């Protein structure tokens, strides 16, 4: 059970990294914030909880 929780915690950190440091830096170089950074500014601390963090969308269009 602990191994699975560790795996999910690691996966959560990867997902929240938003594509890696290079992509985040590219957004910042363009004068933009990432979506998660904008959400952090929009909502009061502790009031936003992302529900579908682990969903993988499979859009084919």
C-alpha atoms as a PDB file:
ATOM      1  CA  UNK A   1       0.000   0.000   0.000  1.00  0.00           C
ATOM      2  CA  UNK A   2       2.801   2.424   0.887  1.00  0.00           C
ATOM      3  CA  UNK A   3       4.500   1.717  -2.438  1.00  0.00           C
ATOM      4  CA  UNK A   4       1.325   2.652  -4.322  1.00  0.00           C
ATOM      5  CA  UNK A   5       0.923   5.870  -2.320  1.00  0.00           C
ATOM      6  CA  UNK A   6       4.559   6.748  -3.007  1.00  0.00           C
ATOM      7  CA  UNK A   7       4.001   6.111  -6.722  1.00  0.00           C
ATOM      8  CA  UNK A   8       0.901   8.325  -6.782  1.00  0.00           C
ATOM      9  CA  UNK A   9       2.686  11.091  -4.870  1.00  0.00           C
ATOM     10  CA  UNK A  10       5.553  10.999  -7.369  1.00  0.00           C
ATOM     11  CA  UNK A  11       3.106  11.038 -10.293  1.00  0.00           C
ATOM     12  CA  UNK A  12       1.236  13.992  -8.759  1.00  0.00           C
ATOM     13  CA  UNK A  13       4.476  15.984  -8.536  1.00  0.00           C
ATOM     14  CA  UNK A  14       5.254  15.203 -12.193  1.00  0.00           C
ATOM     15  CA  UNK A  15       1.792  16.275 -13.309  1.00  0.00           C
ATOM     16  CA  UNK A  16       1.935  19.502 -11.316  1.00  0.00           C
ATOM     17  CA  UNK A  17       5.321  20.273 -12.896  1.00  0.00           C
ATOM     18  CA  UNK A  18       3.283  21.135 -16.000  1.00  0.00           C
ATOM     19  CA  UNK A  19       5.541  19.768 -18.704  1.00  0.00           C
ATOM     20  CA  UNK A  20       8.830  20.501 -17.009  1.00  0.00           C
ATOM     21  CA  UNK A  21      10.952  23.465 -16.079  1.00  0.00           C
ATOM     22  CA  UNK A  22      11.696  24.353 -19.704  1.00  0.00           C
ATOM     23  CA  UNK A  23       8.032  24.767 -20.635  1.00  0.00           C
ATOM     24  CA  UNK A  24       7.305  26.762 -17.508  1.00  0.00           C
ATOM     25  CA  UNK A  25      10.283  29.011 -18.216  1.00  0.00           C
ATOM     26  CA  UNK A  26       9.098  29.486 -21.813  1.00  0.00           C
ATOM     27  CA  UNK A  27       5.720  30.695 -20.498  1.00  0.00           C
ATOM     28  CA  UNK A  28       7.479  33.077 -18.129  1.00  0.00           C
ATOM     29  CA  UNK A  29       9.745  34.338 -20.934  1.00  0.00           C
ATOM     30  CA  UNK A  30       6.593  35.185 -22.894  1.00  0.00           C
ATOM     31  CA  UNK A  31       5.308  37.160 -19.913  1.00  0.00           C
ATOM     32  CA  UNK A  32       2.695  34.528 -19.077  1.00  0.00           C
ATOM     33  CA  UNK A  33       1.844  32.467 -16.028  1.00  0.00           C
ATOM     34  CA  UNK A  34       1.041  28.768 -16.195  1.00  0.00           C
ATOM     35  CA  UNK A  35      -2.566  27.683 -15.730  1.00  0.00           C
ATOM     36  CA  UNK A  36      -1.840  26.442 -12.210  1.00  0.00           C
ATOM     37  CA  UNK A  37      -0.106  29.713 -11.316  1.00  0.00           C
ATOM     38  CA  UNK A  38      -3.163  31.647 -12.523  1.00  0.00           C
ATOM     39  CA  UNK A  39      -5.456  29.408 -10.467  1.00  0.00           C
ATOM     40  CA  UNK A  40      -3.297  29.973  -7.390  1.00  0.00           C
ATOM     41  CA  UNK A  41      -3.767  33.728  -7.830  1.00  0.00           C
ATOM     42  CA  UNK A  42      -7.493  33.458  -8.555  1.00  0.00           C
ATOM     43  CA  UNK A  43      -8.587  31.348  -5.579  1.00  0.00           C
ATOM     44  CA  UNK A  44      -8.072  31.877  -1.876  1.00  0.00           C
ATOM     45  CA  UNK A  45      -5.487  29.488  -0.384  1.00  0.00           C
ATOM     46  CA  UNK A  46      -6.966  26.089   0.440  1.00  0.00           C
ATOM     47  CA  UNK A  47     -10.250  26.654  -1.422  1.00  0.00           C
ATOM     48  CA  UNK A  48      -9.426  25.011  -4.781  1.00  0.00           C
ATOM     49  CA  UNK A  49      -9.043  21.241  -5.068  1.00  0.00           C
ATOM     50  CA  UNK A  50      -8.313  19.757  -8.478  1.00  0.00           C
ATOM     51  CA  UNK A  51     -10.460  16.639  -8.894  1.00  0.00           C
ATOM     52  CA  UNK A  52      -9.277  15.116 -12.175  1.00  0.00           C
ATOM     53  CA  UNK A  53      -5.523  15.418 -11.749  1.00  0.00           C
ATOM     54  CA  UNK A  54      -4.811  11.889 -13.026  1.00  0.00           C
ATOM     55  CA  UNK A  55      -7.205  11.906 -16.005  1.00  0.00           C
ATOM     56  CA  UNK A  56      -5.642  11.252 -19.406  1.00  0.00           C
ATOM     57  CA  UNK A  57      -7.693  12.804 -22.192  1.00  0.00           C
ATOM     58  CA  UNK A  58      -7.832  10.894 -25.456  1.00  0.00           C
ATOM     59  CA  UNK A  59      -9.267  13.393 -27.896  1.00  0.00           C
ATOM     60  CA  UNK A  60      -8.906  12.221 -31.497  1.00  0.00           C
ATOM     61  CA  UNK A  61     -10.285  15.215 -33.337  1.00  0.00           C
END
